[in-house]
C-alpha atoms as a PDB file:
ATOM      1  CA  MET A   1      -8.264 -25.453  12.893  1.00  0.00           C
ATOM      2  CA  ALA A   2      -9.076 -21.602  12.026  1.00  0.00           C
ATOM      3  CA  LYS A   3      -9.719 -20.690  15.414  1.00  0.00           C
ATOM      4  CA  PHE A   4      -6.327 -21.994  16.577  1.00  0.00           C
ATOM      5  CA  ASN A   5      -4.655 -20.133  13.768  1.00  0.00           C
ATOM      6  CA  GLN A   6      -6.209 -16.713  14.958  1.00  0.00           C
ATOM      7  CA  LEU A   7      -5.003 -17.507  18.500  1.00  0.00           C
ATOM      8  CA  LYS A   8      -1.309 -18.207  17.239  1.00  0.00           C
ATOM      9  CA  ASP A   9      -1.843 -14.838  15.380  1.00  0.00           C
ATOM     10  CA  LEU A  10      -3.165 -12.987  18.597  1.00  0.00           C
ATOM     11  CA  TYR A  11      -0.097 -14.436  20.633  1.00  0.00           C
ATOM     12  CA  GLU A  12       2.001 -13.080  17.771  1.00  0.00           C
ATOM     13  CA  ASP A  13       0.696  -9.685  18.373  1.00  0.00           C
ATOM     14  CA  GLY A  14       1.327  -9.737  22.028  1.00  0.00           C
ATOM     15  CA  TYR A  15      -1.788 -11.038  23.539  1.00  0.00           C
ATOM     16  CA  ARG A  16      -1.389 -13.585  26.273  1.00  0.00           C
ATOM     17  CA  CYS A  17      -3.905 -15.967  27.994  1.00  0.00           C
ATOM     18  CA  ILE A  18      -4.982 -14.714  31.129  1.00  0.00           C
ATOM     19  CA  TYR A  19      -7.647 -17.505  31.694  1.00  0.00           C
ATOM     20  CA  TYR A  20      -9.408 -20.302  30.185  1.00  0.00           C
ATOM     21  CA  ASP A  21     -12.482 -22.100  31.057  1.00  0.00           C
ATOM     22  CA  SER A  22     -13.727 -25.669  29.605  1.00  0.00           C
ATOM     23  CA  THR A  23     -17.449 -26.971  29.655  1.00  0.00           C
ATOM     24  CA  GLU A  24     -18.184 -30.054  28.193  1.00  0.00           C
ATOM     25  CA  ASN A  25     -19.131 -28.439  24.701  1.00  0.00           C
ATOM     26  CA  SER A  26     -17.159 -25.256  24.475  1.00  0.00           C
ATOM     27  CA  HIS A  27     -13.936 -23.923  25.679  1.00  0.00           C
ATOM     28  CA  THR A  28     -13.634 -19.945  26.184  1.00  0.00           C
ATOM     29  CA  ILE A  29     -10.022 -18.430  25.996  1.00  0.00           C
ATOM     30  CA  TYR A  30      -9.568 -15.015  27.413  1.00  0.00           C
ATOM     31  CA  LEU A  31      -6.823 -13.199  26.012  1.00  0.00           C
ATOM     32  CA  LYS A  32      -5.236  -9.821  27.036  1.00  0.00           C
ATOM     33  CA  ASN A  33      -2.852  -7.366  25.673  1.00  0.00           C
ATOM     34  CA  PHE A  34      -0.900  -5.868  28.152  1.00  0.00           C
ATOM     35  CA  ASP A  35       0.997  -3.181  25.872  1.00  0.00           C
ATOM     36  CA  THR A  36      -2.152  -1.967  24.349  1.00  0.00           C
ATOM     37  CA  GLU A  37      -4.753  -3.081  26.990  1.00  0.00           C
ATOM     38  CA  GLY A  38      -6.799  -4.831  24.190  1.00  0.00           C
ATOM     39  CA  SER A  39      -8.696  -7.913  25.040  1.00  0.00           C
ATOM     40  CA  GLU A  40     -10.309 -10.871  23.048  1.00  0.00           C
ATOM     41  CA  VAL A  41     -12.456 -13.823  24.181  1.00  0.00           C
ATOM     42  CA  ILE A  42     -12.076 -16.782  21.763  1.00  0.00           C
ATOM     43  CA  GLU A  43     -14.750 -19.523  21.767  1.00  0.00           C
ATOM     44  CA  LEU A  44     -13.583 -23.153  20.691  1.00  0.00           C
ATOM     45  CA  GLU A  45     -16.119 -25.646  20.043  1.00  0.00           C
ATOM     46  CA  ASP A  46     -13.249 -28.437  18.947  1.00  0.00           C
ATOM     47  CA  GLU A  47     -11.562 -30.289  21.398  1.00  0.00           C
ATOM     48  CA  ASN A  48      -8.554 -30.698  19.294  1.00  0.00           C
ATOM     49  CA  ASP A  49      -8.132 -27.010  18.899  1.00  0.00           C
ATOM     50  CA  PHE A  50      -8.129 -26.587  22.601  1.00  0.00           C
ATOM     51  CA  SER A  51      -5.801 -29.352  23.142  1.00  0.00           C
ATOM     52  CA  GLU A  52      -3.417 -27.927  20.413  1.00  0.00           C
ATOM     53  CA  PHE A  53      -3.816 -24.433  22.011  1.00  0.00           C
ATOM     54  CA  LYS A  54      -2.687 -25.766  25.640  1.00  0.00           C
ATOM     55  CA  ASP A  55       0.164 -27.584  24.053  1.00  0.00           C
ATOM     56  CA  TYR A  56       1.077 -24.282  22.129  1.00  0.00           C
ATOM     57  CA  ILE A  57       1.258 -21.959  25.196  1.00  0.00           C
ATOM     58  CA  GLY A  58       2.812 -24.755  27.275  1.00  0.00           C
ATOM     59  CA  GLY A  59       5.624 -25.003  24.652  1.00  0.00           C
ATOM     60  CA  LEU A  60       5.887 -21.133  24.881  1.00  0.00           C
ATOM     61  CA  ARG A  61       6.370 -21.429  28.923  1.00  0.00           C
ATOM     62  CA  MET A  62       9.169 -23.995  28.430  1.00  0.00           C
ATOM     63  CA  SER A  63      11.174 -21.630  26.197  1.00  0.00           C
END
């Protein structure tokens, strides 16, 4: 859950997911802040965190 909260904090700071990749044991999320040109890579091992992240960004797109 801590990693998911880190992702939400990055989103609040202007970062956006530009790509994510899933394997059986891990999920890699690539984020970019287009204002500052900063980038972050977050590794999630918990399937629930990854599902929660996908639901979170899906909800943002619907707004």
